[in-house]
Amino acid sequence: MTKDAIHSLSDEALVEAIVKTNDTLLFEVLYDRFATMVYNKCYGFANGVDEAKDLTQDVF
């Protein structure tokens, strides 16, 4: 699958492809799409930047 094809996948299709193939490139795309949003949400619950980073890592 080309990079353009990967980036054009819907979130659902991307997750399905990750489950089927366990491809780290696909997971990287998923991480890039959601890491900032997950971090910001974690930061709202956390007691600082380090804890927010740890929580974000735990999510992924």
PDB file of N, CA and C in Angstrom:
ATOM      1  N   MET A   1       0.850  -1.168   0.000  1.00  0.00           N
ATOM      2  CA  MET A   1       0.000   0.000   0.000  1.00  0.00           C
ATOM      3  C   MET A   1       0.897   1.233   0.000  1.00  0.00           C
ATOM      4  N   THR A   2       0.570   2.205  -0.852  1.00  0.00           N
ATOM      5  CA  THR A   2       1.376   3.420  -0.943  1.00  0.00           C
ATOM      6  C   THR A   2       1.069   4.354   0.219  1.00  0.00           C
ATOM      7  N   LYS A   3       1.974   5.304   0.454  1.00  0.00           N
ATOM      8  CA  LYS A   3       1.758   6.279   1.529  1.00  0.00           C
ATOM      9  C   LYS A   3       0.494   7.088   1.292  1.00  0.00           C
ATOM     10  N   ASP A   4       0.251   7.485   0.040  1.00  0.00           N
ATOM     11  CA  ASP A   4      -0.963   8.242  -0.267  1.00  0.00           C
ATOM     12  C   ASP A   4      -2.204   7.416   0.036  1.00  0.00           C
ATOM     13  N   ALA A   5      -2.161   6.145  -0.307  1.00  0.00           N
ATOM     14  CA  ALA A   5      -3.302   5.265  -0.039  1.00  0.00           C
ATOM     15  C   ALA A   5      -3.524   5.109   1.460  1.00  0.00           C
ATOM     16  N   ILE A   6      -2.447   4.978   2.199  1.00  0.00           N
ATOM     17  CA  ILE A   6      -2.551   4.842   3.653  1.00  0.00           C
ATOM     18  C   ILE A   6      -3.157   6.098   4.261  1.00  0.00           C
ATOM     19  N   HIS A   7      -2.679   7.248   3.846  1.00  0.00           N
ATOM     20  CA  HIS A   7      -3.163   8.506   4.413  1.00  0.00           C
ATOM     21  C   HIS A   7      -4.600   8.805   4.023  1.00  0.00           C
ATOM     22  N   SER A   8      -5.081   8.198   2.959  1.00  0.00           N
ATOM     23  CA  SER A   8      -6.460   8.438   2.540  1.00  0.00           C
ATOM     24  C   SER A   8      -7.447   7.485   3.212  1.00  0.00           C
ATOM     25  N   LEU A   9      -6.960   6.509   3.967  1.00  0.00           N
ATOM     26  CA  LEU A   9      -7.844   5.576   4.660  1.00  0.00           C
ATOM     27  C   LEU A   9      -8.642   6.293   5.743  1.00  0.00           C
ATOM     28  N   SER A  10      -9.887   5.872   5.921  1.00  0.00           N
ATOM     29  CA  SER A  10     -10.668   6.378   7.048  1.00  0.00           C
ATOM     30  C   SER A  10     -10.053   5.836   8.336  1.00  0.00           C
ATOM     31  N   ASP A  11     -10.418   6.427   9.451  1.00  0.00           N
ATOM     32  CA  ASP A  11      -9.899   5.953  10.736  1.00  0.00           C
ATOM     33  C   ASP A  11     -10.264   4.485  10.959  1.00  0.00           C
ATOM     34  N   GLU A  12     -11.510   4.145  10.638  1.00  0.00           N
ATOM     35  CA  GLU A  12     -11.967   2.774  10.828  1.00  0.00           C
ATOM     36  C   GLU A  12     -11.181   1.794   9.954  1.00  0.00           C
ATOM     37  N   ALA A  13     -10.993   2.155   8.689  1.00  0.00           N
ATOM     38  CA  ALA A  13     -10.248   1.289   7.773  1.00  0.00           C
ATOM     39  C   ALA A  13      -8.790   1.161   8.214  1.00  0.00           C
ATOM     40  N   LEU A  14      -8.238   2.241   8.738  1.00  0.00           N
ATOM     41  CA  LEU A  14      -6.858   2.213   9.216  1.00  0.00           C
ATOM     42  C   LEU A  14      -6.710   1.248  10.389  1.00  0.00           C
ATOM     43  N   VAL A  15      -7.625   1.315  11.344  1.00  0.00           N
ATOM     44  CA  VAL A  15      -7.573   0.411  12.495  1.00  0.00           C
ATOM     45  C   VAL A  15      -7.753  -1.038  12.043  1.00  0.00           C
ATOM     46  N   GLU A  16      -8.678  -1.273  11.124  1.00  0.00           N
ATOM     47  CA  GLU A  16      -8.870  -2.630  10.604  1.00  0.00           C
ATOM     48  C   GLU A  16      -7.591  -3.152   9.955  1.00  0.00           C
ATOM     49  N   ALA A  17      -6.920  -2.300   9.195  1.00  0.00           N
ATOM     50  CA  ALA A  17      -5.676  -2.705   8.534  1.00  0.00           C
ATOM     51  C   ALA A  17      -4.579  -2.994   9.555  1.00  0.00           C
ATOM     52  N   ILE A  18      -4.526  -2.206  10.618  1.00  0.00           N
ATOM     53  CA  ILE A  18      -3.532  -2.441  11.675  1.00  0.00           C
ATOM     54  C   ILE A  18      -3.779  -3.795  12.332  1.00  0.00           C
ATOM     55  N   VAL A  19      -5.037  -4.079  12.637  1.00  0.00           N
ATOM     56  CA  VAL A  19      -5.380  -5.353  13.280  1.00  0.00           C
ATOM     57  C   VAL A  19      -5.021  -6.528  12.377  1.00  0.00           C
ATOM     58  N   LYS A  20      -5.285  -6.386  11.089  1.00  0.00           N
ATOM     59  CA  LYS A  20      -5.018  -7.486  10.148  1.00  0.00           C
ATOM     60  C   LYS A  20      -3.529  -7.701   9.893  1.00  0.00           C
ATOM     61  N   THR A  21      -2.761  -6.610   9.811  1.00  0.00           N
ATOM     62  CA  THR A  21      -1.373  -6.727   9.358  1.00  0.00           C
ATOM     63  C   THR A  21      -0.323  -6.479  10.429  1.00  0.00           C
ATOM     64  N   ASN A  22      -0.712  -5.790  11.512  1.00  0.00           N
ATOM     65  CA  ASN A  22       0.236  -5.404  12.560  1.00  0.00           C
ATOM     66  C   ASN A  22       1.396  -4.586  11.981  1.00  0.00           C
ATOM     67  N   ASP A  23       1.100  -3.779  10.984  1.00  0.00           N
ATOM     68  CA  ASP A  23       2.093  -2.964  10.276  1.00  0.00           C
ATOM     69  C   ASP A  23       2.406  -1.708  11.090  1.00  0.00           C
ATOM     70  N   THR A  24       3.675  -1.509  11.424  1.00  0.00           N
ATOM     71  CA  THR A  24       4.063  -0.355  12.237  1.00  0.00           C
ATOM     72  C   THR A  24       3.877   0.968  11.497  1.00  0.00           C
ATOM     73  N   LEU A  25       4.001   0.978  10.183  1.00  0.00           N
ATOM     74  CA  LEU A  25       3.769   2.204   9.419  1.00  0.00           C
ATOM     75  C   LEU A  25       2.319   2.648   9.556  1.00  0.00           C
ATOM     76  N   LEU A  26       1.399   1.704   9.515  1.00  0.00           N
ATOM     77  CA  LEU A  26      -0.013   2.035   9.693  1.00  0.00           C
ATOM     78  C   LEU A  26      -0.263   2.593  11.088  1.00  0.00           C
ATOM     79  N   PHE A  27       0.362   1.976  12.097  1.00  0.00           N
ATOM     80  CA  PHE A  27       0.196   2.465  13.462  1.00  0.00           C
ATOM     81  C   PHE A  27       0.770   3.873  13.600  1.00  0.00           C
ATOM     82  N   GLU A  28       1.862   4.140  12.923  1.00  0.00           N
ATOM     83  CA  GLU A  28       2.464   5.475  12.948  1.00  0.00           C
ATOM     84  C   GLU A  28       1.487   6.518  12.414  1.00  0.00           C
ATOM     85  N   VAL A  29       0.773   6.184  11.358  1.00  0.00           N
ATOM     86  CA  VAL A  29      -0.219   7.100  10.794  1.00  0.00           C
ATOM     87  C   VAL A  29      -1.340   7.332  11.803  1.00  0.00           C
ATOM     88  N   LEU A  30      -1.807   6.266  12.440  1.00  0.00           N
ATOM     89  CA  LEU A  30      -2.849   6.394  13.459  1.00  0.00           C
ATOM     90  C   LEU A  30      -2.371   7.280  14.604  1.00  0.00           C
ATOM     91  N   TYR A  31      -1.150   7.050  15.058  1.00  0.00           N
ATOM     92  CA  TYR A  31      -0.570   7.855  16.135  1.00  0.00           C
ATOM     93  C   TYR A  31      -0.505   9.328  15.730  1.00  0.00           C
ATOM     94  N   ASP A  32      -0.036   9.594  14.522  1.00  0.00           N
ATOM     95  CA  ASP A  32       0.065  10.975  14.048  1.00  0.00           C
ATOM     96  C   ASP A  32      -1.298  11.659  14.003  1.00  0.00           C
ATOM     97  N   ARG A  33      -2.321  10.914  13.667  1.00  0.00           N
ATOM     98  CA  ARG A  33      -3.669  11.489  13.598  1.00  0.00           C
ATOM     99  C   ARG A  33      -4.219  11.859  14.969  1.00  0.00           C
ATOM    100  N   PHE A  34      -3.900  11.069  15.983  1.00  0.00           N
ATOM    101  CA  PHE A  34      -4.594  11.212  17.262  1.00  0.00           C
ATOM    102  C   PHE A  34      -3.734  11.585  18.459  1.00  0.00           C
ATOM    103  N   ALA A  35      -2.432  11.588  18.346  1.00  0.00           N
ATOM    104  CA  ALA A  35      -1.570  11.805  19.513  1.00  0.00           C
ATOM    105  C   ALA A  35      -1.812  13.153  20.180  1.00  0.00           C
ATOM    106  N   THR A  36      -1.935  14.199  19.399  1.00  0.00           N
ATOM    107  CA  THR A  36      -2.139  15.530  19.990  1.00  0.00           C
ATOM    108  C   THR A  36      -3.470  15.607  20.722  1.00  0.00           C
ATOM    109  N   MET A  37      -4.511  15.067  20.125  1.00  0.00           N
ATOM    110  CA  MET A  37      -5.829  15.092  20.752  1.00  0.00           C
ATOM    111  C   MET A  37      -5.823  14.272  22.047  1.00  0.00           C
ATOM    112  N   VAL A  38      -5.201  13.103  22.007  1.00  0.00           N
ATOM    113  CA  VAL A  38      -5.122  12.256  23.200  1.00  0.00           C
ATOM    114  C   VAL A  38      -4.302  12.954  24.281  1.00  0.00           C
ATOM    115  N   TYR A  39      -3.176  13.538  23.900  1.00  0.00           N
ATOM    116  CA  TYR A  39      -2.336  14.251  24.868  1.00  0.00           C
ATOM    117  C   TYR A  39      -3.117  15.391  25.527  1.00  0.00           C
ATOM    118  N   ASN A  40      -3.806  16.180  24.722  1.00  0.00           N
ATOM    119  CA  ASN A  40      -4.559  17.313  25.273  1.00  0.00           C
ATOM    120  C   ASN A  40      -5.635  16.849  26.248  1.00  0.00           C
ATOM    121  N   LYS A  41      -6.295  15.752  25.931  1.00  0.00           N
ATOM    122  CA  LYS A  41      -7.309  15.205  26.835  1.00  0.00           C
ATOM    123  C   LYS A  41      -6.644  14.710  28.122  1.00  0.00           C
ATOM    124  N   CYS A  42      -5.541  14.005  27.987  1.00  0.00           N
ATOM    125  CA  CYS A  42      -4.815  13.510  29.161  1.00  0.00           C
ATOM    126  C   CYS A  42      -4.308  14.659  30.022  1.00  0.00           C
ATOM    127  N   TYR A  43      -3.858  15.719  29.378  1.00  0.00           N
ATOM    128  CA  TYR A  43      -3.344  16.874  30.112  1.00  0.00           C
ATOM    129  C   TYR A  43      -4.429  17.474  31.006  1.00  0.00           C
ATOM    130  N   GLY A  44      -5.677  17.408  30.541  1.00  0.00           N
ATOM    131  CA  GLY A  44      -6.787  17.916  31.343  1.00  0.00           C
ATOM    132  C   GLY A  44      -6.992  17.134  32.632  1.00  0.00           C
ATOM    133  N   PHE A  45      -6.604  15.863  32.639  1.00  0.00           N
ATOM    134  CA  PHE A  45      -6.761  15.014  33.817  1.00  0.00           C
ATOM    135  C   PHE A  45      -5.489  14.914  34.643  1.00  0.00           C
ATOM    136  N   ALA A  46      -4.370  15.218  34.044  1.00  0.00           N
ATOM    137  CA  ALA A  46      -3.071  14.953  34.656  1.00  0.00           C
ATOM    138  C   ALA A  46      -2.654  16.064  35.611  1.00  0.00           C
ATOM    139  N   ASN A  47      -1.608  15.755  36.361  1.00  0.00           N
ATOM    140  CA  ASN A  47      -1.019  16.720  37.283  1.00  0.00           C
ATOM    141  C   ASN A  47       0.274  17.287  36.728  1.00  0.00           C
ATOM    142  N   GLY A  48       0.345  17.465  35.432  1.00  0.00           N
ATOM    143  CA  GLY A  48       1.532  18.034  34.815  1.00  0.00           C
ATOM    144  C   GLY A  48       1.838  17.397  33.476  1.00  0.00           C
ATOM    145  N   VAL A  49       2.833  17.964  32.827  1.00  0.00           N
ATOM    146  CA  VAL A  49       3.218  17.547  31.478  1.00  0.00           C
ATOM    147  C   VAL A  49       3.718  16.107  31.461  1.00  0.00           C
ATOM    148  N   ASP A  50       4.573  15.755  32.410  1.00  0.00           N
ATOM    149  CA  ASP A  50       5.138  14.401  32.418  1.00  0.00           C
ATOM    150  C   ASP A  50       4.055  13.340  32.582  1.00  0.00           C
ATOM    151  N   GLU A  51       3.117  13.596  33.464  1.00  0.00           N
ATOM    152  CA  GLU A  51       2.033  12.632  33.657  1.00  0.00           C
ATOM    153  C   GLU A  51       1.157  12.548  32.409  1.00  0.00           C
ATOM    154  N   ALA A  52       0.907  13.676  31.767  1.00  0.00           N
ATOM    155  CA  ALA A  52       0.119  13.677  30.530  1.00  0.00           C
ATOM    156  C   ALA A  52       0.818  12.874  29.440  1.00  0.00           C
ATOM    157  N   LYS A  53       2.135  13.015  29.347  1.00  0.00           N
ATOM    158  CA  LYS A  53       2.899  12.234  28.367  1.00  0.00           C
ATOM    159  C   LYS A  53       2.822  10.744  28.683  1.00  0.00           C
ATOM    160  N   ASP A  54       2.951  10.395  29.957  1.00  0.00           N
ATOM    161  CA  ASP A  54       2.865   8.988  30.359  1.00  0.00           C
ATOM    162  C   ASP A  54       1.488   8.409  30.042  1.00  0.00           C
ATOM    163  N   LEU A  55       0.448   9.164  30.339  1.00  0.00           N
ATOM    164  CA  LEU A  55      -0.905   8.702  30.049  1.00  0.00           C
ATOM    165  C   LEU A  55      -1.123   8.521  28.554  1.00  0.00           C
ATOM    166  N   THR A  56      -0.601   9.455  27.773  1.00  0.00           N
ATOM    167  CA  THR A  56      -0.724   9.353  26.318  1.00  0.00           C
ATOM    168  C   THR A  56      -0.038   8.097  25.822  1.00  0.00           C
ATOM    169  N   GLN A  57       1.143   7.824  26.336  1.00  0.00           N
ATOM    170  CA  GLN A  57       1.867   6.609  25.951  1.00  0.00           C
ATOM    171  C   GLN A  57       1.076   5.367  26.334  1.00  0.00           C
ATOM    172  N   ASP A  58       0.442   5.400  27.496  1.00  0.00           N
ATOM    173  CA  ASP A  58      -0.364   4.260  27.937  1.00  0.00           C
ATOM    174  C   ASP A  58      -1.541   4.011  26.999  1.00  0.00           C
ATOM    175  N   VAL A  59      -2.140   5.078  26.506  1.00  0.00           N
ATOM    176  CA  VAL A  59      -3.272   4.938  25.587  1.00  0.00           C
ATOM    177  C   VAL A  59      -2.843   4.199  24.329  1.00  0.00           C
ATOM    178  N   PHE A  60      -1.678   4.566  23.809  1.00  0.00           N
ATOM    179  CA  PHE A  60      -1.212   3.950  22.567  1.00  0.00           C
ATOM    180  C   PHE A  60      -0.460   2.669  22.832  1.00  0.00           C
TER     181      PHE A  60
END
